[in-house]
N, C-alpha and C. Protein backbone atom coordinates (compact mmCIF):
# COMPACT_ATOMS: atom_id res chain seq x y z
N UNK A 1 104.22 -71.43 -128.96
CA UNK A 1 103.25 -72.48 -129.11
C UNK A 1 102.31 -72.11 -130.26
N UNK A 2 102.48 -72.80 -131.36
CA UNK A 2 101.73 -72.48 -132.58
C UNK A 2 100.22 -72.57 -132.37
N UNK A 3 99.76 -73.59 -131.72
CA UNK A 3 98.31 -73.77 -131.52
C UNK A 3 97.72 -72.63 -130.70
N UNK A 4 98.42 -72.20 -129.68
CA UNK A 4 97.93 -71.10 -128.85
C UNK A 4 97.86 -69.80 -129.66
N UNK A 5 98.88 -69.53 -130.44
CA UNK A 5 98.88 -68.32 -131.26
C UNK A 5 97.75 -68.37 -132.29
N UNK A 6 97.55 -69.53 -132.87
CA UNK A 6 96.47 -69.70 -133.85
C UNK A 6 95.11 -69.43 -133.21
N UNK A 7 94.90 -69.98 -132.02
CA UNK A 7 93.63 -69.77 -131.31
C UNK A 7 93.43 -68.31 -130.93
N UNK A 8 94.48 -67.67 -130.41
CA UNK A 8 94.38 -66.26 -130.02
C UNK A 8 94.09 -65.37 -131.23
N UNK A 9 94.73 -65.66 -132.36
CA UNK A 9 94.51 -64.86 -133.57
C UNK A 9 93.07 -64.98 -134.05
N UNK A 10 92.48 -66.16 -133.89
CA UNK A 10 91.08 -66.35 -134.30
C UNK A 10 90.13 -65.59 -133.37
N UNK A 11 90.46 -65.55 -132.09
CA UNK A 11 89.60 -64.90 -131.11
C UNK A 11 89.63 -63.38 -131.29
N UNK A 12 90.84 -62.82 -131.45
CA UNK A 12 90.97 -61.37 -131.54
C UNK A 12 92.22 -61.03 -132.35
N UNK A 13 92.02 -60.41 -133.50
CA UNK A 13 93.16 -60.03 -134.36
C UNK A 13 94.08 -59.03 -133.67
N UNK A 14 93.61 -58.39 -132.63
CA UNK A 14 94.43 -57.44 -131.89
C UNK A 14 95.69 -58.06 -131.32
N UNK A 15 95.63 -59.34 -130.99
CA UNK A 15 96.81 -60.02 -130.46
C UNK A 15 97.94 -60.04 -131.49
N UNK A 16 97.58 -60.15 -132.74
CA UNK A 16 98.57 -60.19 -133.82
C UNK A 16 99.30 -58.86 -133.94
N UNK A 17 98.58 -57.76 -133.67
CA UNK A 17 99.14 -56.42 -133.83
C UNK A 17 99.63 -55.81 -132.52
N UNK A 18 99.57 -56.56 -131.43
CA UNK A 18 99.97 -56.03 -130.13
C UNK A 18 101.43 -55.58 -130.18
N UNK A 19 101.72 -54.54 -129.41
CA UNK A 19 103.08 -54.04 -129.33
C UNK A 19 103.45 -53.84 -127.86
N UNK A 20 104.72 -54.08 -127.56
CA UNK A 20 105.19 -53.80 -126.21
C UNK A 20 105.71 -52.36 -126.16
N UNK A 21 106.35 -51.98 -125.08
CA UNK A 21 106.83 -50.61 -124.93
C UNK A 21 107.91 -50.24 -125.93
N UNK A 22 108.50 -51.22 -126.61
CA UNK A 22 109.52 -50.97 -127.61
C UNK A 22 108.98 -51.07 -129.03
N UNK A 23 107.68 -51.26 -129.15
CA UNK A 23 107.06 -51.37 -130.47
C UNK A 23 107.24 -52.74 -131.10
N UNK A 24 107.68 -53.71 -130.33
CA UNK A 24 107.89 -55.06 -130.87
C UNK A 24 106.58 -55.82 -130.87
N UNK A 25 106.35 -56.52 -131.95
CA UNK A 25 105.12 -57.30 -132.16
C UNK A 25 105.40 -58.78 -131.90
N UNK A 26 104.35 -59.60 -131.84
CA UNK A 26 104.57 -61.04 -131.69
C UNK A 26 105.46 -61.62 -132.80
N UNK A 27 105.32 -61.10 -134.02
CA UNK A 27 106.15 -61.60 -135.13
C UNK A 27 107.62 -61.28 -134.89
N UNK A 28 107.91 -60.09 -134.41
CA UNK A 28 109.30 -59.73 -134.13
C UNK A 28 109.85 -60.63 -133.04
N UNK A 29 109.10 -60.85 -131.96
CA UNK A 29 109.57 -61.74 -130.90
C UNK A 29 109.77 -63.17 -131.39
N UNK A 30 108.89 -63.60 -132.27
CA UNK A 30 109.02 -64.94 -132.82
C UNK A 30 110.32 -65.08 -133.62
N UNK A 31 110.58 -64.10 -134.46
CA UNK A 31 111.80 -64.13 -135.27
C UNK A 31 113.04 -64.03 -134.38
N UNK A 32 112.96 -63.25 -133.32
CA UNK A 32 114.10 -63.13 -132.41
C UNK A 32 114.38 -64.44 -131.67
N UNK A 33 113.39 -65.28 -131.51
CA UNK A 33 113.61 -66.57 -130.84
C UNK A 33 113.75 -67.68 -131.86
N UNK A 34 114.28 -67.35 -133.00
CA UNK A 34 114.45 -68.28 -134.12
C UNK A 34 115.17 -69.55 -133.68
N UNK A 35 114.86 -70.68 -134.30
CA UNK A 35 115.44 -71.96 -133.90
C UNK A 35 116.95 -72.06 -134.00
N UNK A 36 117.60 -71.13 -134.71
CA UNK A 36 119.06 -71.19 -134.77
C UNK A 36 119.65 -71.09 -133.37
N UNK A 37 118.91 -70.45 -132.50
CA UNK A 37 119.41 -70.25 -131.14
C UNK A 37 119.21 -71.48 -130.27
N UNK A 38 118.21 -72.28 -130.57
CA UNK A 38 117.93 -73.44 -129.73
C UNK A 38 117.19 -74.50 -130.54
N UNK A 39 117.95 -75.35 -131.21
CA UNK A 39 117.35 -76.37 -132.08
C UNK A 39 116.50 -77.38 -131.31
N UNK A 40 116.74 -77.54 -130.05
CA UNK A 40 116.00 -78.55 -129.30
C UNK A 40 114.61 -78.11 -128.91
N UNK A 41 114.37 -76.81 -128.81
CA UNK A 41 113.06 -76.32 -128.39
C UNK A 41 112.16 -75.98 -129.57
N UNK A 42 112.74 -75.71 -130.73
CA UNK A 42 111.97 -75.28 -131.89
C UNK A 42 112.36 -76.10 -133.10
N UNK A 43 111.51 -76.13 -134.08
CA UNK A 43 111.91 -76.68 -135.36
C UNK A 43 111.40 -75.75 -136.45
N UNK A 44 112.00 -75.85 -137.62
CA UNK A 44 111.67 -74.94 -138.71
C UNK A 44 110.21 -75.05 -139.15
N UNK A 45 109.63 -76.24 -139.09
CA UNK A 45 108.25 -76.43 -139.52
C UNK A 45 107.29 -75.66 -138.61
N UNK A 46 107.48 -75.78 -137.31
CA UNK A 46 106.63 -75.07 -136.36
C UNK A 46 106.82 -73.56 -136.48
N UNK A 47 108.05 -73.12 -136.66
CA UNK A 47 108.32 -71.70 -136.82
C UNK A 47 107.62 -71.16 -138.05
N UNK A 48 107.77 -71.83 -139.16
CA UNK A 48 107.15 -71.38 -140.41
C UNK A 48 105.63 -71.36 -140.29
N UNK A 49 105.06 -72.36 -139.68
CA UNK A 49 103.61 -72.41 -139.50
C UNK A 49 103.12 -71.24 -138.65
N UNK A 50 103.87 -70.90 -137.61
CA UNK A 50 103.48 -69.80 -136.74
C UNK A 50 103.62 -68.46 -137.46
N UNK A 51 104.70 -68.29 -138.21
CA UNK A 51 104.88 -67.06 -139.00
C UNK A 51 103.73 -66.92 -139.99
N UNK A 52 103.39 -67.99 -140.68
CA UNK A 52 102.28 -67.95 -141.65
C UNK A 52 100.97 -67.58 -140.97
N UNK A 53 100.71 -68.16 -139.81
CA UNK A 53 99.48 -67.85 -139.08
C UNK A 53 99.42 -66.37 -138.74
N UNK A 54 100.51 -65.83 -138.19
CA UNK A 54 100.52 -64.41 -137.84
C UNK A 54 100.30 -63.54 -139.07
N UNK A 55 100.95 -63.87 -140.16
CA UNK A 55 100.83 -63.05 -141.36
C UNK A 55 99.46 -63.20 -142.02
N UNK A 56 98.87 -64.37 -141.95
CA UNK A 56 97.52 -64.56 -142.49
C UNK A 56 96.50 -63.74 -141.71
N UNK A 57 96.81 -63.44 -140.47
CA UNK A 57 95.90 -62.64 -139.65
C UNK A 57 96.30 -61.17 -139.63
N UNK A 58 97.18 -60.77 -140.53
CA UNK A 58 97.47 -59.36 -140.71
C UNK A 58 98.78 -58.83 -140.15
N UNK A 59 99.59 -59.67 -139.55
CA UNK A 59 100.87 -59.20 -139.04
C UNK A 59 101.75 -58.76 -140.21
N UNK A 60 102.44 -57.66 -140.04
CA UNK A 60 103.28 -57.10 -141.10
C UNK A 60 104.76 -57.29 -140.76
N UNK A 61 105.46 -58.03 -141.60
CA UNK A 61 106.88 -58.30 -141.35
C UNK A 61 107.74 -57.06 -141.49
N UNK A 62 107.25 -56.06 -142.22
CA UNK A 62 108.05 -54.84 -142.42
C UNK A 62 107.82 -53.79 -141.33
N UNK A 63 106.89 -54.04 -140.42
CA UNK A 63 106.61 -53.08 -139.34
C UNK A 63 107.83 -52.96 -138.44
N UNK A 64 108.26 -51.74 -138.17
CA UNK A 64 109.48 -51.51 -137.41
C UNK A 64 109.19 -51.19 -135.95
N UNK A 65 110.10 -51.61 -135.08
CA UNK A 65 109.99 -51.31 -133.66
C UNK A 65 110.64 -49.95 -133.39
N UNK A 66 110.74 -49.56 -132.14
CA UNK A 66 111.30 -48.25 -131.81
C UNK A 66 112.80 -48.16 -132.07
N UNK A 67 113.43 -49.29 -132.38
CA UNK A 67 114.85 -49.31 -132.72
C UNK A 67 115.05 -49.26 -134.23
N UNK A 68 113.94 -49.14 -134.97
CA UNK A 68 114.01 -49.05 -136.42
C UNK A 68 114.23 -50.38 -137.12
N UNK A 69 113.96 -51.48 -136.41
CA UNK A 69 114.17 -52.80 -137.00
C UNK A 69 112.84 -53.53 -137.17
N UNK A 70 112.74 -54.26 -138.25
CA UNK A 70 111.55 -55.05 -138.54
C UNK A 70 111.86 -56.53 -138.30
N UNK A 71 110.84 -57.36 -138.45
CA UNK A 71 111.05 -58.81 -138.33
C UNK A 71 112.08 -59.27 -139.37
N UNK A 72 112.03 -58.67 -140.57
CA UNK A 72 113.02 -59.00 -141.60
C UNK A 72 114.43 -58.71 -141.11
N UNK A 73 114.64 -57.55 -140.47
CA UNK A 73 115.97 -57.19 -139.98
C UNK A 73 116.46 -58.18 -138.93
N UNK A 74 115.60 -58.52 -137.98
CA UNK A 74 116.00 -59.46 -136.94
C UNK A 74 116.29 -60.84 -137.51
N UNK A 75 115.51 -61.26 -138.50
CA UNK A 75 115.76 -62.55 -139.13
C UNK A 75 117.13 -62.55 -139.81
N UNK A 76 117.42 -61.48 -140.53
CA UNK A 76 118.71 -61.39 -141.22
C UNK A 76 119.87 -61.46 -140.23
N UNK A 77 119.72 -60.80 -139.10
CA UNK A 77 120.77 -60.85 -138.08
C UNK A 77 120.93 -62.27 -137.54
N UNK A 78 119.85 -62.96 -137.28
CA UNK A 78 119.92 -64.34 -136.77
C UNK A 78 120.55 -65.26 -137.79
N UNK A 79 120.21 -65.04 -139.05
CA UNK A 79 120.74 -65.88 -140.13
C UNK A 79 122.26 -65.78 -140.18
N UNK A 80 122.82 -64.56 -140.09
CA UNK A 80 124.27 -64.44 -140.16
C UNK A 80 124.96 -65.01 -138.94
N UNK A 81 124.33 -64.83 -137.77
CA UNK A 81 124.90 -65.38 -136.54
C UNK A 81 124.95 -66.90 -136.64
N UNK A 82 123.92 -67.52 -137.18
CA UNK A 82 123.89 -68.98 -137.27
C UNK A 82 124.99 -69.49 -138.20
N UNK A 83 125.23 -68.80 -139.30
CA UNK A 83 126.27 -69.24 -140.23
C UNK A 83 127.64 -69.20 -139.57
N UNK A 84 127.90 -68.17 -138.79
CA UNK A 84 129.18 -68.05 -138.09
C UNK A 84 129.31 -69.17 -137.07
N UNK A 85 128.24 -69.46 -136.34
CA UNK A 85 128.29 -70.52 -135.32
C UNK A 85 128.54 -71.88 -135.95
N UNK A 86 127.91 -72.14 -137.10
CA UNK A 86 128.08 -73.44 -137.74
C UNK A 86 129.49 -73.62 -138.29
N UNK A 87 130.09 -72.55 -138.77
CA UNK A 87 131.43 -72.64 -139.34
C UNK A 87 132.45 -72.73 -138.21
């Protein structure tokens, strides 16, 4: 929910940098739930707006989780999976 993330980021920047036990941040989770997996629940405009909001509040796309993967890595994986599914 883009509006909720925007509001939380304004209240406390700590939400943007929060990590779970695997070192995953909200940006990593957002990229992992990319719309390629479910076009009916998400759209590219909302996804892009939410990514921009997180990054404007200091989220780092290159920050790696405990598996050594960043938001960029997860996005790249989703991108290739989507191409295979479409073909």
